[in-house]
Amino acid sequence: MAATAMAHKHPNYMAIFWWLAALTVIELAVIFMPLAKFTIGVLLVSLALGKAALVAMYFMHLRFEVRTLGLIAIVPLVIATLLIFLLLPDGFAVHHQTSGGKKPAASAPAKH
């Protein structure tokens, strides 16, 4: 049995640690950049996804598993992304409904 199992090289965990640390420093630098909030958000999410991929591939050993196990890990991420994009229009509708209306005129202060 042991002869048929494919052995994989153990990853260099310190190198992965330094990559994660560098991505964290880049995230901190992105926060203080004079960019639009949307751009900062997109950059932070993409860096976080990169860090999550590194952790999943090496610390969860998905890099060395069969493809099916990797797909099982990816499917919830895809479903969550679709759910967010499906719910975004509802969030914008609430914002337009509450901010677009007339504000009531101020009346005399209440007497207590």
N, C-alpha and C. Protein backbone atom coordinates (compact mmCIF):
# COMPACT_ATOMS: atom_id res chain seq x y z
N MET A 1 0.81 -1.20 0.00
CA MET A 1 0.00 0.00 0.00
C MET A 1 0.85 1.26 0.00
N ALA A 2 1.89 1.27 0.81
CA ALA A 2 2.72 2.46 0.92
C ALA A 2 3.44 2.75 -0.39
N ALA A 3 3.73 1.70 -1.15
CA ALA A 3 4.44 1.89 -2.41
C ALA A 3 3.54 2.55 -3.46
N THR A 4 2.23 2.30 -3.37
CA THR A 4 1.33 2.89 -4.36
C THR A 4 0.93 4.31 -4.03
N ALA A 5 1.02 4.68 -2.77
CA ALA A 5 0.65 6.05 -2.38
C ALA A 5 1.72 7.02 -2.86
N MET A 6 1.26 8.11 -3.43
CA MET A 6 2.20 9.12 -3.92
C MET A 6 2.66 9.99 -2.76
N ALA A 7 3.94 10.07 -2.57
CA ALA A 7 4.48 10.92 -1.51
C ALA A 7 4.63 12.34 -2.06
N HIS A 8 4.33 13.30 -1.22
CA HIS A 8 4.49 14.68 -1.64
C HIS A 8 5.54 15.36 -0.78
N LYS A 9 6.17 16.32 -1.37
CA LYS A 9 7.20 17.08 -0.67
C LYS A 9 6.53 17.97 0.36
N HIS A 10 7.09 18.01 1.54
CA HIS A 10 6.52 18.85 2.58
C HIS A 10 6.79 20.32 2.25
N PRO A 11 5.78 21.16 2.40
CA PRO A 11 5.97 22.57 2.04
C PRO A 11 6.88 23.28 3.05
N ASN A 12 7.47 24.32 2.59
CA ASN A 12 8.31 25.15 3.44
C ASN A 12 7.39 26.12 4.18
N TYR A 13 7.04 25.77 5.41
CA TYR A 13 6.07 26.56 6.16
C TYR A 13 6.58 27.95 6.50
N MET A 14 7.86 28.11 6.66
CA MET A 14 8.40 29.44 6.95
C MET A 14 8.26 30.36 5.74
N ALA A 15 8.45 29.83 4.55
CA ALA A 15 8.27 30.64 3.35
C ALA A 15 6.81 31.07 3.22
N ILE A 16 5.89 30.17 3.53
CA ILE A 16 4.47 30.52 3.47
C ILE A 16 4.15 31.57 4.53
N PHE A 17 4.74 31.41 5.72
CA PHE A 17 4.56 32.42 6.77
C PHE A 17 5.01 33.80 6.29
N TRP A 18 6.17 33.87 5.64
CA TRP A 18 6.68 35.17 5.18
C TRP A 18 5.81 35.73 4.06
N TRP A 19 5.26 34.86 3.19
CA TRP A 19 4.32 35.35 2.17
C TRP A 19 3.07 35.92 2.82
N LEU A 20 2.54 35.23 3.82
CA LEU A 20 1.35 35.73 4.52
C LEU A 20 1.65 37.04 5.25
N ALA A 21 2.82 37.14 5.84
CA ALA A 21 3.21 38.38 6.52
C ALA A 21 3.34 39.53 5.51
N ALA A 22 3.94 39.24 4.36
CA ALA A 22 4.08 40.29 3.33
C ALA A 22 2.71 40.74 2.82
N LEU A 23 1.80 39.79 2.61
CA LEU A 23 0.46 40.18 2.17
C LEU A 23 -0.26 41.01 3.22
N THR A 24 -0.02 40.72 4.50
CA THR A 24 -0.62 41.51 5.57
C THR A 24 -0.07 42.93 5.57
N VAL A 25 1.23 43.08 5.35
CA VAL A 25 1.83 44.42 5.28
C VAL A 25 1.26 45.18 4.08
N ILE A 26 1.08 44.49 2.97
CA ILE A 26 0.48 45.14 1.79
C ILE A 26 -0.94 45.58 2.09
N GLU A 27 -1.70 44.75 2.82
CA GLU A 27 -3.06 45.15 3.21
C GLU A 27 -3.05 46.40 4.06
N LEU A 28 -2.12 46.48 4.99
CA LEU A 28 -2.04 47.68 5.84
C LEU A 28 -1.66 48.90 5.00
N ALA A 29 -0.80 48.73 4.02
CA ALA A 29 -0.42 49.85 3.15
C ALA A 29 -1.60 50.30 2.30
N VAL A 30 -2.40 49.34 1.84
CA VAL A 30 -3.55 49.68 0.99
C VAL A 30 -4.55 50.55 1.75
N ILE A 31 -4.73 50.28 3.04
CA ILE A 31 -5.70 51.04 3.83
C ILE A 31 -5.36 52.52 3.84
N PHE A 32 -4.09 52.85 3.89
CA PHE A 32 -3.68 54.25 3.99
C PHE A 32 -3.41 54.91 2.64
N MET A 33 -3.66 54.21 1.54
CA MET A 33 -3.47 54.80 0.22
C MET A 33 -4.61 55.77 -0.09
N PRO A 34 -4.30 56.85 -0.81
CA PRO A 34 -5.35 57.81 -1.18
C PRO A 34 -6.15 57.32 -2.39
N LEU A 35 -6.91 56.26 -2.20
CA LEU A 35 -7.72 55.69 -3.27
C LEU A 35 -9.19 55.76 -2.88
N ALA A 36 -10.04 55.51 -3.85
CA ALA A 36 -11.47 55.46 -3.57
C ALA A 36 -11.77 54.28 -2.66
N LYS A 37 -12.85 54.40 -1.87
CA LYS A 37 -13.19 53.33 -0.94
C LYS A 37 -13.48 52.03 -1.68
N PHE A 38 -14.12 52.11 -2.82
CA PHE A 38 -14.42 50.90 -3.57
C PHE A 38 -13.14 50.20 -4.02
N THR A 39 -12.17 50.97 -4.47
CA THR A 39 -10.89 50.40 -4.91
C THR A 39 -10.17 49.75 -3.74
N ILE A 40 -10.17 50.43 -2.60
CA ILE A 40 -9.54 49.86 -1.41
C ILE A 40 -10.24 48.57 -1.02
N GLY A 41 -11.55 48.55 -1.09
CA GLY A 41 -12.30 47.34 -0.76
C GLY A 41 -11.97 46.19 -1.68
N VAL A 42 -11.90 46.48 -2.98
CA VAL A 42 -11.58 45.42 -3.95
C VAL A 42 -10.17 44.89 -3.71
N LEU A 43 -9.22 45.78 -3.45
CA LEU A 43 -7.85 45.35 -3.19
C LEU A 43 -7.75 44.51 -1.92
N LEU A 44 -8.45 44.93 -0.86
CA LEU A 44 -8.40 44.18 0.39
C LEU A 44 -9.04 42.81 0.25
N VAL A 45 -10.15 42.74 -0.47
CA VAL A 45 -10.81 41.44 -0.66
C VAL A 45 -9.93 40.51 -1.49
N SER A 46 -9.31 41.04 -2.53
CA SER A 46 -8.45 40.18 -3.37
C SER A 46 -7.22 39.71 -2.59
N LEU A 47 -6.64 40.58 -1.77
CA LEU A 47 -5.50 40.15 -0.95
C LEU A 47 -5.93 39.11 0.08
N ALA A 48 -7.10 39.29 0.67
CA ALA A 48 -7.61 38.32 1.65
C ALA A 48 -7.88 36.97 0.99
N LEU A 49 -8.41 36.99 -0.24
CA LEU A 49 -8.64 35.73 -0.95
C LEU A 49 -7.31 35.03 -1.28
N GLY A 50 -6.30 35.82 -1.60
CA GLY A 50 -4.98 35.24 -1.85
C GLY A 50 -4.41 34.59 -0.59
N LYS A 51 -4.57 35.26 0.54
CA LYS A 51 -4.10 34.69 1.80
C LYS A 51 -4.89 33.44 2.15
N ALA A 52 -6.19 33.46 1.94
CA ALA A 52 -7.01 32.28 2.23
C ALA A 52 -6.62 31.12 1.33
N ALA A 53 -6.29 31.42 0.08
CA ALA A 53 -5.87 30.35 -0.83
C ALA A 53 -4.54 29.74 -0.38
N LEU A 54 -3.62 30.57 0.07
CA LEU A 54 -2.35 30.03 0.58
C LEU A 54 -2.57 29.13 1.79
N VAL A 55 -3.40 29.58 2.71
CA VAL A 55 -3.68 28.78 3.91
C VAL A 55 -4.36 27.47 3.52
N ALA A 56 -5.33 27.55 2.63
CA ALA A 56 -6.05 26.33 2.23
C ALA A 56 -5.14 25.37 1.48
N MET A 57 -4.30 25.89 0.61
CA MET A 57 -3.45 25.01 -0.20
C MET A 57 -2.38 24.31 0.64
N TYR A 58 -1.76 25.05 1.56
CA TYR A 58 -0.60 24.47 2.25
C TYR A 58 -0.92 23.99 3.66
N PHE A 59 -1.62 24.79 4.45
CA PHE A 59 -1.88 24.37 5.83
C PHE A 59 -3.02 23.36 5.91
N MET A 60 -3.96 23.41 4.97
CA MET A 60 -5.03 22.41 4.92
C MET A 60 -4.68 21.30 3.93
N HIS A 61 -3.53 21.37 3.31
CA HIS A 61 -2.98 20.35 2.41
C HIS A 61 -3.87 20.08 1.19
N LEU A 62 -4.65 21.07 0.76
CA LEU A 62 -5.49 20.88 -0.42
C LEU A 62 -4.66 20.83 -1.70
N ARG A 63 -3.48 21.37 -1.68
CA ARG A 63 -2.62 21.34 -2.86
C ARG A 63 -2.22 19.91 -3.21
N PHE A 64 -2.15 19.07 -2.21
CA PHE A 64 -1.68 17.71 -2.42
C PHE A 64 -2.82 16.69 -2.47
N GLU A 65 -4.06 17.16 -2.40
CA GLU A 65 -5.21 16.26 -2.43
C GLU A 65 -5.72 16.09 -3.86
N VAL A 66 -6.68 15.21 -4.00
CA VAL A 66 -7.29 15.03 -5.31
C VAL A 66 -8.14 16.26 -5.64
N ARG A 67 -8.41 16.44 -6.90
CA ARG A 67 -9.12 17.63 -7.37
C ARG A 67 -10.52 17.75 -6.76
N THR A 68 -11.17 16.64 -6.51
CA THR A 68 -12.53 16.67 -5.98
C THR A 68 -12.60 17.37 -4.62
N LEU A 69 -11.62 17.09 -3.76
CA LEU A 69 -11.61 17.72 -2.45
C LEU A 69 -11.41 19.23 -2.57
N GLY A 70 -10.60 19.66 -3.51
CA GLY A 70 -10.44 21.09 -3.75
C GLY A 70 -11.72 21.74 -4.24
N LEU A 71 -12.45 21.05 -5.09
CA LEU A 71 -13.72 21.58 -5.58
C LEU A 71 -14.75 21.68 -4.45
N ILE A 72 -14.70 20.73 -3.53
CA ILE A 72 -15.61 20.79 -2.38
C ILE A 72 -15.30 22.03 -1.55
N ALA A 73 -14.07 22.45 -1.48
CA ALA A 73 -13.70 23.64 -0.72
C ALA A 73 -14.06 24.92 -1.48
N ILE A 74 -14.06 24.88 -2.81
CA ILE A 74 -14.31 26.08 -3.62
C ILE A 74 -15.80 26.38 -3.78
N VAL A 75 -16.63 25.35 -3.84
CA VAL A 75 -18.06 25.53 -4.11
C VAL A 75 -18.73 26.47 -3.11
N PRO A 76 -18.51 26.36 -1.78
CA PRO A 76 -19.16 27.31 -0.86
C PRO A 76 -18.74 28.76 -1.11
N LEU A 77 -17.50 28.98 -1.53
CA LEU A 77 -17.05 30.34 -1.84
C LEU A 77 -17.83 30.90 -3.03
N VAL A 78 -18.03 30.09 -4.05
CA VAL A 78 -18.79 30.52 -5.22
C VAL A 78 -20.24 30.80 -4.85
N ILE A 79 -20.84 29.94 -4.05
CA ILE A 79 -22.23 30.14 -3.63
C ILE A 79 -22.37 31.41 -2.80
N ALA A 80 -21.43 31.66 -1.90
CA ALA A 80 -21.48 32.87 -1.08
C ALA A 80 -21.34 34.12 -1.94
N THR A 81 -20.47 34.08 -2.94
CA THR A 81 -20.31 35.22 -3.84
C THR A 81 -21.58 35.49 -4.62
N LEU A 82 -22.20 34.45 -5.13
CA LEU A 82 -23.47 34.62 -5.85
C LEU A 82 -24.55 35.18 -4.93
N LEU A 83 -24.60 34.71 -3.70
CA LEU A 83 -25.59 35.20 -2.75
C LEU A 83 -25.40 36.68 -2.47
N ILE A 84 -24.17 37.11 -2.33
CA ILE A 84 -23.90 38.53 -2.09
C ILE A 84 -24.37 39.37 -3.27
N PHE A 85 -24.04 38.94 -4.49
CA PHE A 85 -24.45 39.71 -5.66
C PHE A 85 -25.95 39.69 -5.86
N LEU A 86 -26.63 38.63 -5.44
CA LEU A 86 -28.08 38.59 -5.55
C LEU A 86 -28.75 39.49 -4.52
N LEU A 87 -28.12 39.69 -3.37
CA LEU A 87 -28.72 40.51 -2.32
C LEU A 87 -28.35 41.98 -2.42
N LEU A 88 -27.34 42.33 -3.20
CA LEU A 88 -26.94 43.73 -3.33
C LEU A 88 -28.07 44.65 -3.81
N PRO A 89 -28.86 44.27 -4.81
CA PRO A 89 -29.94 45.18 -5.24
C PRO A 89 -30.93 45.49 -4.13
N ASP A 90 -31.21 44.54 -3.26
CA ASP A 90 -32.12 44.80 -2.15
C ASP A 90 -31.54 45.84 -1.20
N GLY A 91 -30.26 45.77 -0.95
CA GLY A 91 -29.62 46.76 -0.08
C GLY A 91 -29.66 48.15 -0.67
N PHE A 92 -29.46 48.27 -1.98
CA PHE A 92 -29.54 49.58 -2.62
C PHE A 92 -30.95 50.10 -2.63
N ALA A 93 -31.95 49.24 -2.75
CA ALA A 93 -33.35 49.67 -2.75
C ALA A 93 -33.72 50.26 -1.40
N VAL A 94 -33.26 49.67 -0.32
CA VAL A 94 -33.55 50.21 1.01
C VAL A 94 -32.87 51.55 1.18
N HIS A 95 -31.65 51.69 0.68
CA HIS A 95 -30.94 52.97 0.80
C HIS A 95 -31.68 54.07 0.04
N HIS A 96 -32.14 53.78 -1.18
CA HIS A 96 -32.84 54.79 -1.96
C HIS A 96 -34.18 55.13 -1.33
N GLN A 97 -34.85 54.18 -0.77
CA GLN A 97 -36.15 54.40 -0.18
C GLN A 97 -36.05 55.28 1.06
N THR A 98 -35.03 55.08 1.86
CA THR A 98 -34.93 55.83 3.10
C THR A 98 -34.29 57.20 2.90
N SER A 99 -33.41 57.36 1.94
CA SER A 99 -32.73 58.65 1.79
C SER A 99 -33.44 59.58 0.81
N GLY A 100 -34.29 59.07 -0.04
CA GLY A 100 -34.91 59.90 -1.07
C GLY A 100 -36.19 60.59 -0.64
N GLY A 101 -36.75 60.20 0.47
CA GLY A 101 -38.04 60.76 0.89
C GLY A 101 -37.90 62.15 1.47
N LYS A 102 -39.07 62.83 1.59
CA LYS A 102 -39.07 64.15 2.21
C LYS A 102 -38.94 64.02 3.71
N LYS A 103 -38.22 64.94 4.30
CA LYS A 103 -38.10 64.95 5.74
C LYS A 103 -39.27 65.75 6.30
N PRO A 104 -39.87 65.28 7.38
CA PRO A 104 -41.00 66.02 7.95
C PRO A 104 -40.54 67.36 8.51
N ALA A 105 -41.42 68.32 8.41
CA ALA A 105 -41.10 69.66 8.92
C ALA A 105 -41.01 69.59 10.45
N ALA A 106 -40.08 70.36 10.98
CA ALA A 106 -39.92 70.38 12.42
C ALA A 106 -41.08 71.15 13.05
N SER A 107 -41.69 70.55 14.03
CA SER A 107 -42.78 71.23 14.72
C SER A 107 -42.25 71.82 16.01
N ALA A 108 -43.13 72.41 16.73
CA ALA A 108 -42.75 73.02 18.00
C ALA A 108 -42.24 71.93 18.95
N PRO A 109 -41.32 72.31 19.81
CA PRO A 109 -40.80 71.31 20.74
C PRO A 109 -41.92 70.75 21.64
N ALA A 110 -41.77 69.49 21.97
CA ALA A 110 -42.78 68.86 22.81
C ALA A 110 -42.70 69.39 24.22
N LYS A 111 -43.87 69.54 24.83
CA LYS A 111 -43.92 70.00 26.24
C LYS A 111 -44.03 68.79 27.13
N HIS A 112 -43.25 68.79 28.17
CA HIS A 112 -43.26 67.65 29.10
C HIS A 112 -43.88 68.03 30.38
